[in-house]
């Protein structure tokens, strides 16, 4: 019998995916219930524990207002500005996209909220068929065609946006946590396999 292990890792990228999955456009968590033992509730509690470990527990209740780090390294700002410039096509905007303009946390928050709102829309497109369990052949063809369009034309944009958002989150997210390290923060003692079994049992 395989040894039971909590072997996942939480880092800035996983936090961002949690934000995209659990929150609305403003970063507020939908249906926050830290005593819910359903599969969804366990996923929410995992995310909540990670946010606590990063010192961002307040974000669970008030949205993205306190998500952005006070400190953001020069390297992060330079990489972010390079990504912005690659997607700006007028000289005025390109000239503005310099690290100096983002030294203010208020400016970084505004940019994060703008990019996050757009990324949430793409996340909706990416997951539009996630609830489809059964369908006709013609619907299946349509789903596969649109999924292919997403992979060819939209996923690359989503990946760039994800990187921008992680950079804007700042230096508080430089560290990562194992699932075992998150147990003292209320992380559910449930492995991915056990969670998957719970999901299957609830179908």
N, C-alpha and C. Protein backbone atom coordinates (compact mmCIF):
# COMPACT_ATOMS: atom_id res chain seq x y z
N UNK A 1 0.84 -1.20 0.00
CA UNK A 1 0.00 0.00 0.00
C UNK A 1 0.88 1.25 0.00
N UNK A 2 0.57 2.21 -0.87
CA UNK A 2 1.38 3.43 -0.98
C UNK A 2 1.27 4.25 0.30
N UNK A 3 2.39 4.87 0.68
CA UNK A 3 2.40 5.71 1.88
C UNK A 3 1.56 6.97 1.62
N UNK A 4 0.78 7.32 2.62
CA UNK A 4 -0.08 8.51 2.52
C UNK A 4 0.78 9.76 2.73
N UNK A 5 0.73 10.68 1.77
CA UNK A 5 1.59 11.87 1.86
C UNK A 5 0.85 13.12 1.40
N UNK A 6 1.12 14.21 2.11
CA UNK A 6 0.77 15.54 1.62
C UNK A 6 2.01 16.07 0.94
N UNK A 7 2.04 16.07 -0.38
CA UNK A 7 3.30 16.43 -1.05
C UNK A 7 3.15 17.56 -2.06
N UNK A 8 2.10 18.34 -1.93
CA UNK A 8 1.95 19.48 -2.83
C UNK A 8 2.74 20.69 -2.34
N UNK A 9 2.90 21.67 -3.22
CA UNK A 9 3.62 22.90 -2.91
C UNK A 9 2.71 24.09 -3.24
N UNK A 10 2.74 25.09 -2.37
CA UNK A 10 2.05 26.36 -2.64
C UNK A 10 3.09 27.44 -2.87
N UNK A 11 2.98 28.12 -4.00
CA UNK A 11 3.87 29.23 -4.33
C UNK A 11 3.03 30.35 -4.94
N UNK A 12 3.68 31.38 -5.44
CA UNK A 12 2.95 32.54 -5.98
C UNK A 12 2.03 32.14 -7.13
N UNK A 13 2.48 31.24 -8.00
CA UNK A 13 1.68 30.83 -9.14
C UNK A 13 0.42 30.09 -8.68
N UNK A 14 0.56 29.24 -7.66
CA UNK A 14 -0.61 28.49 -7.18
C UNK A 14 -1.59 29.43 -6.45
N UNK A 15 -1.06 30.42 -5.73
CA UNK A 15 -1.92 31.42 -5.09
C UNK A 15 -2.73 32.15 -6.16
N UNK A 16 -2.07 32.54 -7.25
CA UNK A 16 -2.78 33.24 -8.32
C UNK A 16 -3.87 32.36 -8.91
N UNK A 17 -3.58 31.09 -9.13
CA UNK A 17 -4.61 30.19 -9.66
C UNK A 17 -5.79 30.07 -8.68
N UNK A 18 -5.48 30.09 -7.38
CA UNK A 18 -6.53 30.09 -6.38
C UNK A 18 -7.38 31.34 -6.45
N UNK A 19 -6.74 32.47 -6.65
CA UNK A 19 -7.48 33.74 -6.78
C UNK A 19 -8.40 33.69 -7.99
N UNK A 20 -7.91 33.16 -9.10
CA UNK A 20 -8.73 33.07 -10.31
C UNK A 20 -9.92 32.13 -10.10
N UNK A 21 -9.71 31.07 -9.37
CA UNK A 21 -10.75 30.05 -9.19
C UNK A 21 -11.80 30.46 -8.14
N UNK A 22 -11.34 31.02 -7.01
CA UNK A 22 -12.23 31.22 -5.88
C UNK A 22 -12.85 32.61 -5.78
N UNK A 23 -12.32 33.58 -6.50
CA UNK A 23 -12.75 34.96 -6.25
C UNK A 23 -13.50 35.56 -7.43
N UNK A 24 -14.16 36.69 -7.13
CA UNK A 24 -14.81 37.46 -8.19
C UNK A 24 -13.80 38.43 -8.80
N UNK A 25 -14.27 39.33 -9.66
CA UNK A 25 -13.37 40.26 -10.36
C UNK A 25 -12.56 41.14 -9.40
N UNK A 26 -13.10 41.39 -8.21
CA UNK A 26 -12.45 42.25 -7.22
C UNK A 26 -11.60 41.46 -6.23
N UNK A 27 -11.53 40.15 -6.42
CA UNK A 27 -10.71 39.33 -5.54
C UNK A 27 -11.40 38.87 -4.28
N UNK A 28 -12.71 39.03 -4.19
CA UNK A 28 -13.45 38.59 -3.01
C UNK A 28 -13.86 37.13 -3.18
N UNK A 29 -13.63 36.33 -2.13
CA UNK A 29 -13.93 34.90 -2.21
C UNK A 29 -15.43 34.68 -2.13
N UNK A 30 -15.91 33.87 -3.04
CA UNK A 30 -17.31 33.49 -3.03
C UNK A 30 -17.52 32.32 -2.07
N UNK A 31 -18.56 32.37 -1.27
CA UNK A 31 -18.94 31.26 -0.39
C UNK A 31 -17.80 30.84 0.54
N UNK A 32 -17.20 31.80 1.24
CA UNK A 32 -16.13 31.48 2.18
C UNK A 32 -16.72 30.83 3.43
N UNK A 33 -16.41 29.56 3.64
CA UNK A 33 -16.90 28.82 4.79
C UNK A 33 -15.79 27.88 5.24
N UNK A 34 -15.07 28.26 6.29
CA UNK A 34 -13.90 27.50 6.72
C UNK A 34 -14.26 26.27 7.55
N UNK A 35 -15.54 25.98 7.69
CA UNK A 35 -15.94 24.75 8.39
C UNK A 35 -16.58 23.74 7.43
N UNK A 36 -16.57 24.07 6.15
CA UNK A 36 -17.18 23.21 5.13
C UNK A 36 -16.26 22.04 4.81
N UNK A 37 -16.77 20.81 4.97
CA UNK A 37 -15.98 19.61 4.70
C UNK A 37 -16.28 18.98 3.35
N UNK A 38 -17.05 19.69 2.51
CA UNK A 38 -17.29 19.19 1.15
C UNK A 38 -16.00 19.32 0.35
N UNK A 39 -15.90 18.66 -0.82
CA UNK A 39 -14.69 18.82 -1.64
C UNK A 39 -14.38 20.28 -1.94
N UNK A 40 -15.41 21.06 -2.31
CA UNK A 40 -15.17 22.49 -2.58
C UNK A 40 -14.70 23.20 -1.31
N UNK A 41 -15.33 22.87 -0.19
CA UNK A 41 -14.93 23.49 1.07
C UNK A 41 -13.49 23.18 1.44
N UNK A 42 -13.05 21.97 1.17
CA UNK A 42 -11.66 21.59 1.44
C UNK A 42 -10.72 22.40 0.55
N UNK A 43 -11.10 22.60 -0.71
CA UNK A 43 -10.28 23.41 -1.61
C UNK A 43 -10.19 24.85 -1.12
N UNK A 44 -11.31 25.39 -0.65
CA UNK A 44 -11.32 26.75 -0.11
C UNK A 44 -10.42 26.84 1.11
N UNK A 45 -10.50 25.84 1.99
CA UNK A 45 -9.68 25.85 3.21
C UNK A 45 -8.20 25.71 2.89
N UNK A 46 -7.88 24.97 1.84
CA UNK A 46 -6.48 24.90 1.40
C UNK A 46 -5.99 26.30 1.01
N UNK A 47 -6.78 26.97 0.19
CA UNK A 47 -6.40 28.31 -0.26
C UNK A 47 -6.30 29.27 0.92
N UNK A 48 -7.26 29.20 1.83
CA UNK A 48 -7.25 30.09 2.99
C UNK A 48 -6.00 29.87 3.84
N UNK A 49 -5.60 28.61 4.02
CA UNK A 49 -4.40 28.32 4.81
C UNK A 49 -3.15 28.90 4.15
N UNK A 50 -3.08 28.79 2.84
CA UNK A 50 -1.93 29.36 2.12
C UNK A 50 -1.90 30.88 2.28
N UNK A 51 -3.05 31.53 2.18
CA UNK A 51 -3.11 32.98 2.34
C UNK A 51 -2.68 33.39 3.74
N UNK A 52 -3.07 32.61 4.75
CA UNK A 52 -2.65 32.90 6.12
C UNK A 52 -1.13 32.77 6.24
N UNK A 53 -0.57 31.73 5.65
CA UNK A 53 0.88 31.52 5.73
C UNK A 53 1.64 32.68 5.09
N UNK A 54 1.09 33.26 4.05
CA UNK A 54 1.73 34.41 3.39
C UNK A 54 1.41 35.72 4.11
N UNK A 55 0.67 35.66 5.21
CA UNK A 55 0.31 36.87 5.94
C UNK A 55 -0.76 37.69 5.24
N UNK A 56 -1.57 37.04 4.42
CA UNK A 56 -2.58 37.73 3.63
C UNK A 56 -4.00 37.30 4.00
N UNK A 57 -4.19 36.91 5.26
CA UNK A 57 -5.50 36.41 5.70
C UNK A 57 -6.61 37.45 5.47
N UNK A 58 -6.26 38.73 5.61
CA UNK A 58 -7.26 39.78 5.44
C UNK A 58 -7.89 39.75 4.05
N UNK A 59 -7.12 39.29 3.07
CA UNK A 59 -7.62 39.22 1.70
C UNK A 59 -8.82 38.28 1.57
N UNK A 60 -8.93 37.32 2.49
CA UNK A 60 -10.04 36.38 2.43
C UNK A 60 -11.37 37.09 2.63
N UNK A 61 -11.34 38.23 3.30
CA UNK A 61 -12.57 38.90 3.69
C UNK A 61 -12.81 40.22 2.95
N UNK A 62 -11.74 40.86 2.52
CA UNK A 62 -11.92 42.18 1.89
C UNK A 62 -11.43 42.25 0.45
N UNK A 63 -10.99 41.13 -0.12
CA UNK A 63 -10.55 41.13 -1.51
C UNK A 63 -9.09 41.48 -1.67
N UNK A 64 -8.73 41.93 -2.85
CA UNK A 64 -7.33 42.10 -3.23
C UNK A 64 -6.64 43.34 -2.63
N UNK A 65 -7.35 44.10 -1.83
CA UNK A 65 -6.79 45.36 -1.33
C UNK A 65 -5.44 45.18 -0.63
N UNK A 66 -5.29 44.06 0.11
CA UNK A 66 -4.05 43.84 0.87
C UNK A 66 -3.19 42.73 0.27
N UNK A 67 -3.49 42.36 -0.96
CA UNK A 67 -2.77 41.26 -1.60
C UNK A 67 -1.36 41.64 -2.02
N UNK A 68 -1.19 42.86 -2.52
CA UNK A 68 0.08 43.28 -3.10
C UNK A 68 1.11 43.58 -2.01
N UNK A 69 2.32 43.08 -2.20
CA UNK A 69 3.40 43.31 -1.24
C UNK A 69 3.81 44.79 -1.23
N UNK A 70 4.24 45.26 -0.08
CA UNK A 70 4.80 46.61 -0.02
C UNK A 70 6.10 46.69 -0.82
N UNK A 71 6.86 45.60 -0.79
CA UNK A 71 8.14 45.57 -1.50
C UNK A 71 8.02 44.79 -2.80
N UNK A 72 8.63 45.33 -3.84
CA UNK A 72 8.67 44.64 -5.13
C UNK A 72 10.04 44.92 -5.74
N UNK A 73 10.83 43.89 -5.92
CA UNK A 73 12.23 44.06 -6.31
C UNK A 73 12.37 44.73 -7.68
N UNK A 74 13.53 45.34 -7.87
CA UNK A 74 13.82 45.97 -9.17
C UNK A 74 13.77 44.96 -10.30
N UNK A 75 14.25 43.75 -10.03
CA UNK A 75 14.23 42.71 -11.07
C UNK A 75 12.81 42.40 -11.52
N UNK A 76 11.90 42.32 -10.55
CA UNK A 76 10.51 42.05 -10.90
C UNK A 76 9.93 43.19 -11.73
N UNK A 77 10.21 44.43 -11.32
CA UNK A 77 9.66 45.57 -12.03
C UNK A 77 10.23 45.69 -13.45
N UNK A 78 11.49 45.38 -13.60
CA UNK A 78 12.09 45.43 -14.93
C UNK A 78 11.50 44.36 -15.84
N UNK A 79 11.30 43.15 -15.31
CA UNK A 79 10.68 42.09 -16.12
C UNK A 79 9.25 42.45 -16.49
N UNK A 80 8.53 43.02 -15.53
CA UNK A 80 7.15 43.41 -15.79
C UNK A 80 7.08 44.47 -16.88
N UNK A 81 7.92 45.48 -16.79
CA UNK A 81 7.90 46.56 -17.79
C UNK A 81 8.27 46.03 -19.17
N UNK A 82 9.17 45.07 -19.22
CA UNK A 82 9.53 44.46 -20.50
C UNK A 82 8.32 43.74 -21.10
N UNK A 83 7.59 43.00 -20.28
CA UNK A 83 6.38 42.31 -20.77
C UNK A 83 5.32 43.31 -21.23
N UNK A 84 5.18 44.39 -20.48
CA UNK A 84 4.21 45.42 -20.87
C UNK A 84 4.59 46.03 -22.22
N UNK A 85 5.86 46.38 -22.37
CA UNK A 85 6.32 47.02 -23.61
C UNK A 85 6.13 46.12 -24.82
N UNK A 86 6.26 44.82 -24.62
CA UNK A 86 6.07 43.89 -25.73
C UNK A 86 4.63 43.88 -26.24
N UNK A 87 3.73 44.41 -25.41
CA UNK A 87 2.32 44.41 -25.78
C UNK A 87 1.74 45.81 -25.92
N UNK A 88 2.60 46.81 -25.93
CA UNK A 88 2.18 48.19 -26.17
C UNK A 88 2.66 48.61 -27.54
N UNK A 89 1.82 49.32 -28.29
CA UNK A 89 2.18 49.63 -29.68
C UNK A 89 2.19 51.12 -29.99
N UNK A 90 2.04 51.94 -28.95
CA UNK A 90 2.20 53.37 -29.20
C UNK A 90 3.32 53.91 -28.32
N UNK A 91 4.03 54.89 -28.84
CA UNK A 91 5.23 55.39 -28.18
C UNK A 91 4.93 55.98 -26.81
N UNK A 92 3.82 56.67 -26.69
CA UNK A 92 3.49 57.31 -25.40
C UNK A 92 3.37 56.27 -24.29
N UNK A 93 2.61 55.22 -24.54
CA UNK A 93 2.42 54.18 -23.53
C UNK A 93 3.71 53.44 -23.25
N UNK A 94 4.46 53.15 -24.31
CA UNK A 94 5.73 52.44 -24.15
C UNK A 94 6.70 53.25 -23.30
N UNK A 95 6.74 54.56 -23.54
CA UNK A 95 7.62 55.42 -22.75
C UNK A 95 7.22 55.46 -21.28
N UNK A 96 5.92 55.32 -21.01
CA UNK A 96 5.44 55.34 -19.63
C UNK A 96 5.75 54.06 -18.87
N UNK A 97 5.89 52.96 -19.60
CA UNK A 97 6.07 51.65 -18.97
C UNK A 97 7.51 51.50 -18.48
N UNK A 98 7.81 52.20 -17.40
CA UNK A 98 9.14 52.16 -16.79
C UNK A 98 8.99 51.79 -15.33
N UNK A 99 10.01 51.14 -14.75
CA UNK A 99 9.91 50.72 -13.34
C UNK A 99 9.54 51.87 -12.39
N UNK A 100 10.00 53.08 -12.69
CA UNK A 100 9.73 54.20 -11.79
C UNK A 100 8.24 54.45 -11.58
N UNK A 101 7.45 54.23 -12.62
CA UNK A 101 6.02 54.53 -12.52
C UNK A 101 5.30 53.55 -11.58
N UNK A 102 5.94 52.40 -11.33
CA UNK A 102 5.31 51.37 -10.51
C UNK A 102 5.91 51.27 -9.11
N UNK A 103 6.71 52.26 -8.72
CA UNK A 103 7.28 52.24 -7.38
C UNK A 103 6.20 52.40 -6.31
N UNK A 104 5.13 53.10 -6.65
CA UNK A 104 4.02 53.29 -5.73
C UNK A 104 3.18 52.02 -5.64
N UNK A 105 2.89 51.59 -4.42
CA UNK A 105 2.05 50.40 -4.25
C UNK A 105 0.66 50.64 -4.80
N UNK A 106 0.19 51.89 -4.73
CA UNK A 106 -1.13 52.22 -5.27
C UNK A 106 -1.17 51.98 -6.78
N UNK A 107 -0.10 52.36 -7.48
CA UNK A 107 -0.03 52.14 -8.92
C UNK A 107 0.01 50.65 -9.24
N UNK A 108 0.77 49.90 -8.43
CA UNK A 108 0.84 48.45 -8.65
C UNK A 108 -0.52 47.79 -8.41
N UNK A 109 -1.22 48.25 -7.38
CA UNK A 109 -2.56 47.70 -7.10
C UNK A 109 -3.51 47.99 -8.26
N UNK A 110 -3.47 49.22 -8.77
CA UNK A 110 -4.36 49.58 -9.88
C UNK A 110 -4.08 48.72 -11.11
N UNK A 111 -2.78 48.53 -11.40
CA UNK A 111 -2.43 47.72 -12.56
C UNK A 111 -2.83 46.26 -12.33
N UNK A 112 -2.62 45.76 -11.12
CA UNK A 112 -3.01 44.38 -10.81
C UNK A 112 -4.51 44.20 -11.01
N UNK A 113 -5.31 45.12 -10.49
CA UNK A 113 -6.77 45.00 -10.60
C UNK A 113 -7.22 45.01 -12.06
N UNK A 114 -6.57 45.85 -12.87
CA UNK A 114 -6.92 45.92 -14.30
C UNK A 114 -6.60 44.61 -15.01
N UNK A 115 -5.37 44.12 -14.80
CA UNK A 115 -4.96 42.88 -15.45
C UNK A 115 -5.74 41.69 -14.91
N UNK A 116 -6.03 41.70 -13.61
CA UNK A 116 -6.75 40.58 -13.00
C UNK A 116 -8.16 40.47 -13.55
N UNK A 117 -8.81 41.60 -13.72
CA UNK A 117 -10.16 41.58 -14.26
C UNK A 117 -10.18 40.98 -15.67
N UNK A 118 -9.21 41.36 -16.48
CA UNK A 118 -9.12 40.81 -17.83
C UNK A 118 -8.79 39.32 -17.80
N UNK A 119 -7.86 38.96 -16.89
CA UNK A 119 -7.47 37.54 -16.79
C UNK A 119 -8.64 36.68 -16.32
N UNK A 120 -9.48 37.21 -15.43
CA UNK A 120 -10.66 36.47 -14.98
C UNK A 120 -11.58 36.16 -16.16
N UNK A 121 -11.70 37.10 -17.08
CA UNK A 121 -12.54 36.87 -18.26
C UNK A 121 -11.97 35.73 -19.10
N UNK A 122 -10.66 35.71 -19.27
CA UNK A 122 -10.04 34.62 -20.03
C UNK A 122 -10.17 33.30 -19.28
N UNK A 123 -10.12 33.36 -17.96
CA UNK A 123 -10.28 32.15 -17.14
C UNK A 123 -11.67 31.55 -17.37
N UNK A 124 -12.66 32.43 -17.51
CA UNK A 124 -14.01 31.96 -17.80
C UNK A 124 -14.09 31.26 -19.14
N UNK A 125 -13.39 31.81 -20.14
CA UNK A 125 -13.35 31.17 -21.46
C UNK A 125 -12.62 29.83 -21.37
N UNK A 126 -11.53 29.81 -20.64
CA UNK A 126 -10.73 28.59 -20.50
C UNK A 126 -11.54 27.45 -19.88
N UNK A 127 -12.42 27.80 -18.94
CA UNK A 127 -13.14 26.78 -18.18
C UNK A 127 -14.63 26.70 -18.50
N UNK A 128 -15.01 27.25 -19.64
CA UNK A 128 -16.44 27.33 -19.96
C UNK A 128 -17.11 25.97 -20.06
N UNK A 129 -16.35 24.94 -20.43
CA UNK A 129 -16.95 23.61 -20.60
C UNK A 129 -16.68 22.69 -19.41
N UNK A 130 -16.18 23.21 -18.31
CA UNK A 130 -15.76 22.35 -17.21
C UNK A 130 -16.90 21.57 -16.57
N UNK A 131 -18.13 22.09 -16.69
CA UNK A 131 -19.26 21.38 -16.08
C UNK A 131 -19.95 20.41 -17.00
N UNK A 132 -19.49 20.28 -18.22
CA UNK A 132 -20.14 19.40 -19.19
C UNK A 132 -19.69 17.96 -18.95
N UNK A 133 -20.65 17.10 -18.59
CA UNK A 133 -20.34 15.69 -18.31
C UNK A 133 -20.75 14.78 -19.48
N UNK A 134 -21.78 15.21 -20.19
CA UNK A 134 -22.32 14.37 -21.26
C UNK A 134 -22.90 15.29 -22.32
N UNK A 135 -22.72 14.94 -23.59
CA UNK A 135 -23.25 15.79 -24.64
C UNK A 135 -23.34 15.00 -25.95
N UNK A 136 -24.00 15.60 -26.94
CA UNK A 136 -24.12 14.96 -28.25
C UNK A 136 -22.80 15.06 -29.00
N UNK A 137 -22.71 14.32 -30.12
CA UNK A 137 -21.48 14.35 -30.93
C UNK A 137 -21.21 15.74 -31.48
N UNK A 138 -22.27 16.43 -31.91
CA UNK A 138 -22.05 17.76 -32.50
C UNK A 138 -21.57 18.76 -31.44
N UNK A 139 -22.14 18.66 -30.24
CA UNK A 139 -21.69 19.54 -29.15
C UNK A 139 -20.24 19.22 -28.80
N UNK A 140 -19.89 17.93 -28.78
CA UNK A 140 -18.52 17.52 -28.48
C UNK A 140 -17.54 18.10 -29.50
N UNK A 141 -17.95 18.10 -30.77
CA UNK A 141 -17.10 18.68 -31.82
C UNK A 141 -16.90 20.17 -31.56
N UNK A 142 -17.98 20.87 -31.21
CA UNK A 142 -17.88 22.30 -30.92
C UNK A 142 -16.97 22.57 -29.73
N UNK A 143 -17.08 21.75 -28.70
CA UNK A 143 -16.24 21.91 -27.51
C UNK A 143 -14.77 21.70 -27.86
N UNK A 144 -14.49 20.67 -28.64
CA UNK A 144 -13.10 20.39 -29.01
C UNK A 144 -12.53 21.49 -29.91
N UNK A 145 -13.37 22.02 -30.80
CA UNK A 145 -12.91 23.09 -31.70
C UNK A 145 -12.58 24.35 -30.91
N UNK A 146 -13.46 24.71 -29.97
CA UNK A 146 -13.21 25.93 -29.20
C UNK A 146 -12.03 25.75 -28.24
N UNK A 147 -11.88 24.53 -27.71
CA UNK A 147 -10.73 24.27 -26.86
C UNK A 147 -9.43 24.40 -27.65
N UNK A 148 -9.46 23.93 -28.89
CA UNK A 148 -8.29 24.05 -29.75
C UNK A 148 -7.97 25.51 -30.05
N UNK A 149 -9.03 26.31 -30.29
CA UNK A 149 -8.84 27.74 -30.52
C UNK A 149 -8.21 28.40 -29.29
N UNK A 150 -8.67 28.00 -28.10
CA UNK A 150 -8.10 28.55 -26.87
C UNK A 150 -6.61 28.21 -26.78
N UNK A 151 -6.30 26.94 -27.00
CA UNK A 151 -4.90 26.51 -26.86
C UNK A 151 -4.00 27.22 -27.87
N UNK A 152 -4.51 27.46 -29.08
CA UNK A 152 -3.69 28.07 -30.13
C UNK A 152 -3.57 29.59 -30.00
N UNK A 153 -4.63 30.25 -29.55
CA UNK A 153 -4.66 31.70 -29.66
C UNK A 153 -4.82 32.46 -28.35
N UNK A 154 -5.29 31.81 -27.30
CA UNK A 154 -5.56 32.54 -26.07
C UNK A 154 -4.64 32.13 -24.92
N UNK A 155 -4.26 30.87 -24.86
CA UNK A 155 -3.46 30.39 -23.73
C UNK A 155 -2.16 31.17 -23.58
N UNK A 156 -1.52 31.50 -24.68
CA UNK A 156 -0.27 32.25 -24.60
C UNK A 156 -0.49 33.60 -23.91
N UNK A 157 -1.61 34.25 -24.23
CA UNK A 157 -1.93 35.53 -23.58
C UNK A 157 -2.18 35.33 -22.09
N UNK A 158 -2.88 34.25 -21.74
CA UNK A 158 -3.14 33.96 -20.33
C UNK A 158 -1.83 33.74 -19.58
N UNK A 159 -0.90 33.03 -20.20
CA UNK A 159 0.38 32.76 -19.55
C UNK A 159 1.16 34.05 -19.29
N UNK A 160 1.13 34.97 -20.26
CA UNK A 160 1.82 36.26 -20.08
C UNK A 160 1.15 37.06 -18.96
N UNK A 161 -0.16 37.08 -18.96
CA UNK A 161 -0.89 37.79 -17.90
C UNK A 161 -0.59 37.20 -16.53
N UNK A 162 -0.55 35.88 -16.45
CA UNK A 162 -0.23 35.23 -15.17
C UNK A 162 1.14 35.67 -14.66
N UNK A 163 2.10 35.75 -15.56
CA UNK A 163 3.44 36.17 -15.15
C UNK A 163 3.43 37.62 -14.67
N UNK A 164 2.73 38.48 -15.38
CA UNK A 164 2.62 39.88 -14.97
C UNK A 164 2.00 39.99 -13.58
N UNK A 165 0.93 39.24 -13.35
CA UNK A 165 0.23 39.31 -12.07
C UNK A 165 1.10 38.81 -10.93
N UNK A 166 1.83 37.73 -11.16
CA UNK A 166 2.73 37.20 -10.13
C UNK A 166 3.82 38.23 -9.80
N UNK A 167 4.37 38.86 -10.83
CA UNK A 167 5.38 39.89 -10.60
C UNK A 167 4.81 41.04 -9.78
N UNK A 168 3.59 41.46 -10.09
CA UNK A 168 2.95 42.56 -9.36
C UNK A 168 2.65 42.19 -7.91
N UNK A 169 2.44 40.93 -7.62
CA UNK A 169 2.15 40.50 -6.25
C UNK A 169 3.32 40.82 -5.32
N UNK A 170 4.53 40.84 -5.86
CA UNK A 170 5.67 41.34 -5.11
C UNK A 170 6.45 40.33 -4.30
N UNK A 171 7.28 40.85 -3.41
CA UNK A 171 8.30 40.04 -2.75
C UNK A 171 7.78 39.13 -1.65
N UNK A 172 6.58 39.39 -1.13
CA UNK A 172 6.04 38.53 -0.07
C UNK A 172 5.86 37.10 -0.54
N UNK A 173 5.79 36.91 -1.84
CA UNK A 173 5.50 35.58 -2.39
C UNK A 173 6.75 34.88 -2.93
N UNK A 174 7.92 35.37 -2.56
CA UNK A 174 9.15 34.74 -3.03
C UNK A 174 9.33 33.34 -2.42
N UNK A 175 8.80 33.14 -1.23
CA UNK A 175 8.93 31.83 -0.59
C UNK A 175 7.80 30.91 -1.03
N UNK A 176 7.99 29.61 -0.79
CA UNK A 176 6.94 28.63 -1.07
C UNK A 176 6.75 27.77 0.18
N UNK A 177 5.61 27.09 0.25
CA UNK A 177 5.28 26.25 1.40
C UNK A 177 4.86 24.86 0.93
N UNK A 178 5.34 23.85 1.65
CA UNK A 178 4.81 22.51 1.42
C UNK A 178 3.44 22.42 2.09
N UNK A 179 2.64 21.46 1.66
CA UNK A 179 1.34 21.28 2.30
C UNK A 179 1.51 20.94 3.78
N UNK A 180 2.52 20.16 4.11
CA UNK A 180 2.76 19.81 5.52
C UNK A 180 3.05 21.06 6.35
N UNK A 181 3.78 22.01 5.78
CA UNK A 181 4.09 23.25 6.49
C UNK A 181 2.85 24.11 6.71
N UNK A 182 1.81 23.87 5.91
CA UNK A 182 0.59 24.67 6.03
C UNK A 182 -0.41 24.10 7.03
N UNK A 183 -0.17 22.90 7.55
CA UNK A 183 -1.10 22.30 8.50
C UNK A 183 -1.38 23.20 9.71
N UNK A 184 -0.36 23.86 10.30
CA UNK A 184 -0.64 24.74 11.45
C UNK A 184 -1.52 25.95 11.09
N UNK A 185 -1.65 26.25 9.81
CA UNK A 185 -2.47 27.39 9.37
C UNK A 185 -3.90 26.96 9.01
N UNK A 186 -4.23 25.70 9.32
CA UNK A 186 -5.58 25.21 9.06
C UNK A 186 -5.72 24.45 7.75
N UNK A 187 -4.60 24.07 7.15
CA UNK A 187 -4.66 23.30 5.90
C UNK A 187 -5.29 21.95 6.18
N UNK A 188 -6.31 21.55 5.41
CA UNK A 188 -6.96 20.26 5.67
C UNK A 188 -5.99 19.09 5.47
N UNK A 189 -6.02 18.14 6.38
CA UNK A 189 -5.15 16.97 6.29
C UNK A 189 -5.80 15.95 5.35
N UNK A 190 -5.88 16.35 4.08
CA UNK A 190 -6.51 15.54 3.04
C UNK A 190 -5.58 15.54 1.83
N UNK A 191 -5.20 14.38 1.37
CA UNK A 191 -4.31 14.31 0.21
C UNK A 191 -5.10 14.56 -1.08
N UNK A 192 -4.37 14.82 -2.16
CA UNK A 192 -5.02 15.02 -3.46
C UNK A 192 -5.83 13.78 -3.86
N UNK A 193 -5.29 12.61 -3.59
CA UNK A 193 -5.98 11.36 -3.93
C UNK A 193 -7.28 11.23 -3.14
N UNK A 194 -7.20 11.55 -1.84
CA UNK A 194 -8.40 11.48 -1.01
C UNK A 194 -9.44 12.50 -1.46
N UNK A 195 -8.98 13.69 -1.83
CA UNK A 195 -9.91 14.71 -2.31
C UNK A 195 -10.57 14.26 -3.61
N UNK A 196 -9.79 13.67 -4.50
CA UNK A 196 -10.34 13.19 -5.77
C UNK A 196 -11.38 12.09 -5.53
N UNK A 197 -11.11 11.22 -4.58
CA UNK A 197 -12.07 10.16 -4.24
C UNK A 197 -13.37 10.76 -3.70
N UNK A 198 -13.25 11.82 -2.90
CA UNK A 198 -14.43 12.50 -2.37
C UNK A 198 -15.26 13.12 -3.49
N UNK A 199 -14.58 13.72 -4.46
CA UNK A 199 -15.27 14.32 -5.60
C UNK A 199 -16.03 13.26 -6.38
N UNK A 200 -15.37 12.12 -6.63
CA UNK A 200 -16.01 11.03 -7.36
C UNK A 200 -17.21 10.47 -6.60
N UNK A 201 -17.08 10.36 -5.28
CA UNK A 201 -18.16 9.84 -4.45
C UNK A 201 -19.38 10.77 -4.46
N UNK A 202 -19.13 12.07 -4.68
CA UNK A 202 -20.23 13.04 -4.65
C UNK A 202 -20.95 13.17 -5.99
N UNK A 203 -20.46 12.51 -7.03
CA UNK A 203 -21.11 12.58 -8.33
C UNK A 203 -22.41 11.80 -8.30
